């Protein structure tokens, strides 16, 4: 997956949330604006090229000081980003280190 393409799709609003991603986003009280803002400057921290659902990756971005993780994949019809899950990793600090970029 290409981080520049992820950033571009987020900035242009070309994305869709899976039901799971929408539920997780709401549970962590992340607004759409926070997700978009964080993904405009995100970085890929894990790559899943052989995922059964299709190639995907985990990205981290920040809206101010608030971290946002998203597992995303590219859809081809229409051309847009699919959020498989979206969450605030600071709500699970025991799972992350290095500013939410590495698993413990």
C-alpha atoms as a PDB file:
ATOM      1  CA  UNK A   1       0.000   0.000   0.000  1.00  0.00           C
ATOM      2  CA  UNK A   2       1.116   3.521  -0.748  1.00  0.00           C
ATOM      3  CA  UNK A   3       1.014   6.029   2.130  1.00  0.00           C
ATOM      4  CA  UNK A   4       0.704   8.962  -0.294  1.00  0.00           C
ATOM      5  CA  UNK A   5      -2.416   7.407  -1.800  1.00  0.00           C
ATOM      6  CA  UNK A   6      -3.890   6.861   1.678  1.00  0.00           C
ATOM      7  CA  UNK A   7      -3.216  10.496   2.588  1.00  0.00           C
ATOM      8  CA  UNK A   8      -4.723  11.741  -0.673  1.00  0.00           C
ATOM      9  CA  UNK A   9      -7.892   9.645  -0.350  1.00  0.00           C
ATOM     10  CA  UNK A  10      -8.391  10.800   3.261  1.00  0.00           C
ATOM     11  CA  UNK A  11      -7.912  14.438   2.289  1.00  0.00           C
ATOM     12  CA  UNK A  12     -10.366  14.142  -0.621  1.00  0.00           C
ATOM     13  CA  UNK A  13     -12.961  12.342   1.496  1.00  0.00           C
ATOM     14  CA  UNK A  14     -12.729   9.260  -0.726  1.00  0.00           C
ATOM     15  CA  UNK A  15     -13.238   6.603   1.911  1.00  0.00           C
ATOM     16  CA  UNK A  16     -15.773   4.254   3.412  1.00  0.00           C
ATOM     17  CA  UNK A  17     -15.995   2.802   6.911  1.00  0.00           C
ATOM     18  CA  UNK A  18     -16.761  -0.876   7.428  1.00  0.00           C
ATOM     19  CA  UNK A  19     -19.475  -1.468  10.026  1.00  0.00           C
ATOM     20  CA  UNK A  20     -16.769  -2.555  12.452  1.00  0.00           C
ATOM     21  CA  UNK A  21     -14.678   0.579  11.800  1.00  0.00           C
ATOM     22  CA  UNK A  22     -17.683   2.850  12.293  1.00  0.00           C
ATOM     23  CA  UNK A  23     -18.576   1.117  15.569  1.00  0.00           C
ATOM     24  CA  UNK A  24     -14.986   1.362  16.876  1.00  0.00           C
ATOM     25  CA  UNK A  25     -14.711   5.004  15.802  1.00  0.00           C
ATOM     26  CA  UNK A  26     -17.894   5.859  17.675  1.00  0.00           C
ATOM     27  CA  UNK A  27     -16.858   3.881  20.787  1.00  0.00           C
ATOM     28  CA  UNK A  28     -13.562   5.811  20.930  1.00  0.00           C
ATOM     29  CA  UNK A  29     -15.410   9.070  20.254  1.00  0.00           C
ATOM     30  CA  UNK A  30     -13.352   9.932  17.171  1.00  0.00           C
ATOM     31  CA  UNK A  31     -14.983  12.468  14.895  1.00  0.00           C
ATOM     32  CA  UNK A  32     -14.766  12.198  11.123  1.00  0.00           C
ATOM     33  CA  UNK A  33     -12.717  15.383  11.154  1.00  0.00           C
ATOM     34  CA  UNK A  34     -10.207  13.845  13.605  1.00  0.00           C
ATOM     35  CA  UNK A  35      -9.824  10.738  11.444  1.00  0.00           C
ATOM     36  CA  UNK A  36      -9.364  12.784   8.258  1.00  0.00           C
ATOM     37  CA  UNK A  37      -6.938  15.163   9.960  1.00  0.00           C
ATOM     38  CA  UNK A  38      -4.836  12.328  11.406  1.00  0.00           C
ATOM     39  CA  UNK A  39      -4.660  10.442   8.114  1.00  0.00           C
ATOM     40  CA  UNK A  40      -3.530  13.462   6.109  1.00  0.00           C
ATOM     41  CA  UNK A  41      -0.089  13.004   7.689  1.00  0.00           C
ATOM     42  CA  UNK A  42      -0.155   9.326   8.588  1.00  0.00           C
ATOM     43  CA  UNK A  43       2.589   6.744   8.290  1.00  0.00           C
ATOM     44  CA  UNK A  44       2.357   3.015   7.699  1.00  0.00           C
ATOM     45  CA  UNK A  45       3.484   1.067  10.770  1.00  0.00           C
ATOM     46  CA  UNK A  46       2.427  -2.461   9.761  1.00  0.00           C
ATOM     47  CA  UNK A  47       1.825  -3.905   6.295  1.00  0.00           C
ATOM     48  CA  UNK A  48      -0.495  -6.850   5.637  1.00  0.00           C
ATOM     49  CA  UNK A  49       0.017  -7.720   1.942  1.00  0.00           C
ATOM     50  CA  UNK A  50      -1.385 -11.264   2.322  1.00  0.00           C
ATOM     51  CA  UNK A  51      -4.512 -10.455   4.328  1.00  0.00           C
ATOM     52  CA  UNK A  52      -7.441 -12.664   3.293  1.00  0.00           C
ATOM     53  CA  UNK A  53      -9.604  -9.544   2.835  1.00  0.00           C
ATOM     54  CA  UNK A  54      -7.002  -8.098   0.475  1.00  0.00           C
ATOM     55  CA  UNK A  55      -3.808  -6.144   0.982  1.00  0.00           C
ATOM     56  CA  UNK A  56      -4.125  -3.736   3.882  1.00  0.00           C
ATOM     57  CA  UNK A  57      -2.001  -1.857   6.390  1.00  0.00           C
ATOM     58  CA  UNK A  58      -2.083  -0.247   9.817  1.00  0.00           C
ATOM     59  CA  UNK A  59      -1.387   3.475   9.843  1.00  0.00           C
ATOM     60  CA  UNK A  60      -0.893   5.939  12.653  1.00  0.00           C
ATOM     61  CA  UNK A  61      -1.603   9.624  12.440  1.00  0.00           C
ATOM     62  CA  UNK A  62      -2.210  12.424  14.912  1.00  0.00           C
ATOM     63  CA  UNK A  63      -4.915  15.020  15.242  1.00  0.00           C
ATOM     64  CA  UNK A  64      -3.092  17.476  17.453  1.00  0.00           C
ATOM     65  CA  UNK A  65      -1.754  15.196  20.183  1.00  0.00           C
ATOM     66  CA  UNK A  66      -4.489  12.574  19.766  1.00  0.00           C
ATOM     67  CA  UNK A  67      -3.280   9.386  18.053  1.00  0.00           C
ATOM     68  CA  UNK A  68      -5.455   7.575  15.541  1.00  0.00           C
ATOM     69  CA  UNK A  69      -4.865   4.063  14.214  1.00  0.00           C
ATOM     70  CA  UNK A  70      -6.601   2.817  11.088  1.00  0.00           C
ATOM     71  CA  UNK A  71      -6.373  -0.478   9.271  1.00  0.00           C
ATOM     72  CA  UNK A  72      -7.168   0.327   5.679  1.00  0.00           C
ATOM     73  CA  UNK A  73      -7.314  -1.200   2.233  1.00  0.00           C
ATOM     74  CA  UNK A  74      -7.841   0.217  -1.246  1.00  0.00           C
ATOM     75  CA  UNK A  75     -11.082  -0.493  -3.043  1.00  0.00           C
ATOM     76  CA  UNK A  76     -11.104  -0.449  -6.823  1.00  0.00           C
ATOM     77  CA  UNK A  77     -14.779   0.065  -7.620  1.00  0.00           C
ATOM     78  CA  UNK A  78     -15.205   2.833  -6.709  1.00  0.00           C
ATOM     79  CA  UNK A  79     -11.623   3.973  -6.186  1.00  0.00           C
ATOM     80  CA  UNK A  80     -11.574   4.726  -2.476  1.00  0.00           C
ATOM     81  CA  UNK A  81     -10.069   3.823   0.854  1.00  0.00           C
ATOM     82  CA  UNK A  82     -11.813   1.243   3.032  1.00  0.00           C
ATOM     83  CA  UNK A  83     -11.354   1.573   6.773  1.00  0.00           C
ATOM     84  CA  UNK A  84     -11.436  -1.918   8.252  1.00  0.00           C
ATOM     85  CA  UNK A  85     -11.045  -0.525  11.765  1.00  0.00           C
ATOM     86  CA  UNK A  86     -10.330   2.886  13.280  1.00  0.00           C
ATOM     87  CA  UNK A  87      -9.515   3.494  16.924  1.00  0.00           C
ATOM     88  CA  UNK A  88      -7.658   5.598  19.475  1.00  0.00           C
ATOM     89  CA  UNK A  89      -4.621   3.555  20.621  1.00  0.00           C
ATOM     90  CA  UNK A  90      -4.106   5.805  23.656  1.00  0.00           C
ATOM     91  CA  UNK A  91      -7.091   4.020  25.196  1.00  0.00           C
ATOM     92  CA  UNK A  92      -4.919   0.854  25.254  1.00  0.00           C
ATOM     93  CA  UNK A  93      -1.456   2.169  26.249  1.00  0.00           C
ATOM     94  CA  UNK A  94      -0.353  -1.270  27.492  1.00  0.00           C
ATOM     95  CA  UNK A  95      -0.411  -2.519  23.858  1.00  0.00           C
ATOM     96  CA  UNK A  96       1.746   0.199  22.264  1.00  0.00           C
ATOM     97  CA  UNK A  97       5.150   1.815  22.567  1.00  0.00           C
ATOM     98  CA  UNK A  98       7.289   4.281  20.608  1.00  0.00           C
ATOM     99  CA  UNK A  99       4.493   6.857  20.352  1.00  0.00           C
ATOM    100  CA  UNK A 100       1.920   4.220  19.236  1.00  0.00           C
ATOM    101  CA  UNK A 101       4.136   2.981  16.380  1.00  0.00           C
ATOM    102  CA  UNK A 102       5.145  -0.440  17.781  1.00  0.00           C
ATOM    103  CA  UNK A 103       3.339  -3.238  19.587  1.00  0.00           C
ATOM    104  CA  UNK A 104       4.618  -4.149  23.047  1.00  0.00           C
END
